[in-house]
Amino acid sequence: MKKQEKIFEVDNLTQKIKGAKSVALIDYRGISANQVNELRKLIKKAGGELQVVKNTLFTRALVNAKLLEKTDDLALSDQTMALFANDDEIGPIKAIANFAKPLNLLPFKLGFFGEKTLSAEEVKHFASLPGKDELRTKLVGILAQQPQRLVYALNFNLQKLVLVLSHVNSQKIN
């Protein structure tokens, strides 16, 4: 790669990092080209973007995006693929984790959530969290249950009152 191409690539990666809600780095050794294409489609559907990156250029882009102090702070090795989550912070990470689970490939190297650096274990933990759609569904379910519970509680007190009054009435008759 020529120097001008490297500068352009670093600028391009810096813009992608700044525009992403979260970024994850993955070791993609052992995966076929067809699997990579299938994974790219899956990630695109989830609101993300997948790109094979050169370690030194990506490290420079992280410094330019102010996520690292200096290039020596991060030593990337082997083959690296960057996952940029643009729409949903966790959705694309979850999609790649679900895709990789049966293959036992694609281990996370590290990630960035906002300005916070995440270890591989923390990225895995984020992948296990429910997505936005699941959380919205749970919230709607909880909100729908509350009026039913209120009606039940109010009915219960009225039923208790009726029982007490009928008991008092039966005692007066005797």
Protein backbone atom coordinates (compact mmCIF):
# COMPACT_ATOMS: atom_id res chain seq x y z
CA MET A 1 0.00 0.00 0.00
CA LYS A 2 1.32 3.45 -0.89
CA LYS A 3 1.65 6.12 1.77
CA GLN A 4 -1.25 8.19 0.37
CA GLU A 5 -3.52 5.11 0.37
CA LYS A 6 -2.58 4.41 3.99
CA ILE A 7 -3.42 7.98 5.00
CA PHE A 8 -6.77 7.73 3.22
CA GLU A 9 -7.50 4.36 4.89
CA VAL A 10 -6.66 5.73 8.37
CA ASP A 11 -8.95 8.74 7.77
CA ASN A 12 -11.71 6.45 6.52
CA LEU A 13 -11.38 4.17 9.57
CA THR A 14 -11.31 7.17 11.92
CA GLN A 15 -14.63 8.43 10.49
CA LYS A 16 -16.17 4.96 10.84
CA ILE A 17 -15.00 4.69 14.45
CA LYS A 18 -16.37 8.14 15.32
CA GLY A 19 -19.70 7.36 13.62
CA ALA A 20 -20.17 3.96 15.26
CA LYS A 21 -22.03 3.47 18.54
CA SER A 22 -19.75 0.53 19.35
CA VAL A 23 -16.79 -1.20 17.72
CA ALA A 24 -15.60 -4.79 18.19
CA LEU A 25 -12.41 -6.38 16.91
CA ILE A 26 -12.53 -10.03 15.90
CA ASP A 27 -9.92 -12.61 14.94
CA TYR A 28 -11.26 -14.09 11.72
CA ARG A 29 -8.74 -16.91 11.17
CA GLY A 30 -10.28 -20.18 9.98
CA ILE A 31 -13.40 -18.76 8.35
CA SER A 32 -14.05 -19.25 4.64
CA ALA A 33 -14.78 -16.50 2.11
CA ASN A 34 -18.39 -17.71 1.74
CA GLN A 35 -18.87 -17.55 5.51
CA VAL A 36 -17.44 -14.01 5.55
CA ASN A 37 -19.91 -12.95 2.84
CA GLU A 38 -22.80 -14.57 4.73
CA LEU A 39 -21.65 -12.87 7.93
CA ARG A 40 -21.44 -9.47 6.21
CA LYS A 41 -25.06 -9.80 5.05
CA LEU A 42 -26.14 -10.79 8.55
CA ILE A 43 -24.28 -7.87 10.14
CA LYS A 44 -25.68 -5.41 7.59
CA LYS A 45 -29.20 -6.59 8.46
CA ALA A 46 -28.41 -6.02 12.15
CA GLY A 47 -27.35 -2.42 11.48
CA GLY A 48 -23.60 -2.80 11.39
CA GLU A 49 -20.65 -3.00 9.06
CA LEU A 50 -17.83 -5.52 8.89
CA GLN A 51 -14.39 -4.69 7.50
CA VAL A 52 -11.05 -6.47 7.39
CA VAL A 53 -8.44 -4.03 8.72
CA LYS A 54 -4.69 -3.78 8.97
CA ASN A 55 -3.67 -3.73 12.63
CA THR A 56 -1.26 -0.77 12.44
CA LEU A 57 -3.66 1.38 10.40
CA PHE A 58 -6.56 0.60 12.72
CA THR A 59 -4.45 1.46 15.77
CA ARG A 60 -3.58 4.81 14.19
CA ALA A 61 -7.27 5.41 13.48
CA LEU A 62 -8.05 4.71 17.15
CA VAL A 63 -5.48 7.32 18.17
CA ASN A 64 -7.00 9.81 15.70
CA ALA A 65 -10.47 9.08 17.10
CA LYS A 66 -9.06 9.77 20.59
CA LEU A 67 -9.84 6.29 21.89
CA LEU A 68 -6.14 5.63 22.52
CA GLU A 69 -3.41 7.93 23.78
CA LYS A 70 -0.67 6.52 21.54
CA THR A 71 -0.21 3.62 19.15
CA ASP A 72 1.90 1.70 21.68
CA ASP A 73 -1.13 1.35 24.00
CA LEU A 74 -2.62 -1.41 21.86
CA ALA A 75 -0.76 -4.31 20.30
CA LEU A 76 -2.99 -6.06 17.77
CA SER A 77 -1.77 -9.25 16.15
CA ASP A 78 -2.95 -11.83 13.62
CA GLN A 79 -5.84 -11.18 11.26
CA THR A 80 -8.33 -8.58 12.45
CA MET A 81 -11.84 -7.78 11.37
CA ALA A 82 -13.58 -4.66 12.69
CA LEU A 83 -17.29 -4.64 13.44
CA PHE A 84 -18.85 -1.17 13.42
CA ALA A 85 -22.27 -1.08 15.10
CA ASN A 86 -23.96 1.97 13.60
CA ASP A 87 -27.68 1.63 14.44
CA ASP A 88 -27.86 -0.62 17.49
CA GLU A 89 -24.98 -0.84 19.94
CA ILE A 90 -25.39 -4.53 20.71
CA GLY A 91 -27.36 -6.01 17.78
CA PRO A 92 -24.41 -6.58 15.39
CA ILE A 93 -22.21 -7.90 18.22
CA LYS A 94 -24.98 -10.31 19.17
CA ALA A 95 -25.37 -11.37 15.53
CA ILE A 96 -21.68 -12.19 15.13
CA ALA A 97 -21.62 -14.09 18.45
CA ASN A 98 -24.64 -16.18 17.39
CA PHE A 99 -23.05 -16.85 14.00
CA ALA A 100 -19.72 -17.87 15.56
CA LYS A 101 -21.12 -20.07 18.34
CA PRO A 102 -21.61 -23.28 16.29
CA LEU A 103 -18.35 -22.72 14.41
CA ASN A 104 -16.17 -22.17 17.50
CA LEU A 105 -14.41 -19.43 15.52
CA LEU A 106 -14.34 -15.62 15.48
CA PRO A 107 -13.12 -14.85 19.01
CA PHE A 108 -13.44 -11.22 20.09
CA LYS A 109 -10.16 -9.40 20.66
CA LEU A 110 -11.53 -6.25 22.28
CA GLY A 111 -14.13 -3.59 21.78
CA PHE A 112 -15.04 0.04 22.24
CA PHE A 113 -18.36 1.22 23.60
CA GLY A 114 -18.53 5.00 23.39
CA GLU A 115 -15.15 6.06 24.75
CA LYS A 116 -14.71 3.02 26.98
CA THR A 117 -12.37 0.20 25.99
CA LEU A 118 -13.80 -3.28 26.57
CA SER A 119 -11.92 -6.55 27.02
CA ALA A 120 -12.86 -9.65 25.03
CA GLU A 121 -14.82 -10.96 28.03
CA GLU A 122 -16.79 -7.73 28.33
CA VAL A 123 -17.65 -7.83 24.61
CA LYS A 124 -18.87 -11.43 25.05
CA HIS A 125 -20.99 -10.27 27.98
CA PHE A 126 -22.54 -7.52 25.82
CA ALA A 127 -23.31 -10.15 23.17
CA SER A 128 -25.29 -12.13 25.74
CA LEU A 129 -27.50 -9.15 26.66
CA PRO A 130 -30.98 -8.93 25.13
CA GLY A 131 -31.34 -6.66 22.11
CA LYS A 132 -33.44 -3.52 21.86
CA ASP A 133 -36.42 -5.35 20.36
CA GLU A 134 -36.42 -7.95 23.14
CA LEU A 135 -36.22 -5.25 25.81
CA ARG A 136 -39.04 -3.28 24.19
CA THR A 137 -41.21 -6.41 24.11
CA LYS A 138 -40.55 -7.06 27.80
CA LEU A 139 -41.32 -3.44 28.67
CA VAL A 140 -44.64 -3.53 26.79
CA GLY A 141 -45.52 -6.77 28.59
CA ILE A 142 -44.73 -5.26 31.99
CA LEU A 143 -46.70 -2.11 31.22
CA ALA A 144 -49.68 -4.16 29.99
CA GLN A 145 -49.72 -6.20 33.22
CA GLN A 146 -49.91 -3.22 35.56
CA PRO A 147 -53.54 -2.17 34.82
CA GLN A 148 -54.60 -5.81 35.19
CA ARG A 149 -52.91 -5.98 38.59
CA LEU A 150 -54.58 -2.74 39.67
CA VAL A 151 -58.01 -4.04 38.67
CA TYR A 152 -57.34 -7.29 40.53
CA ALA A 153 -56.22 -5.41 43.67
CA LEU A 154 -59.28 -3.14 43.62
CA ASN A 155 -61.60 -6.10 43.00
CA PHE A 156 -60.01 -8.06 45.82
CA ASN A 157 -60.71 -5.28 48.34
CA LEU A 158 -64.31 -5.00 47.15
CA GLN A 159 -64.77 -8.76 47.41
CA LYS A 160 -63.36 -8.71 50.95
CA LEU A 161 -65.79 -5.91 51.86
CA VAL A 162 -68.73 -7.88 50.46
CA LEU A 163 -67.66 -10.98 52.38
CA VAL A 164 -67.31 -9.05 55.64
CA LEU A 165 -70.70 -7.36 55.15
CA SER A 166 -72.41 -10.66 54.36
CA HIS A 167 -70.78 -12.23 57.43
CA VAL A 168 -71.98 -9.33 59.62
CA ASN A 169 -75.44 -9.59 58.09
CA SER A 170 -75.58 -13.34 58.75
CA GLN A 171 -74.55 -12.78 62.39
CA LYS A 172 -77.34 -10.17 62.90
CA ILE A 173 -79.94 -12.58 61.59
CA ASN A 174 -78.87 -15.31 64.01
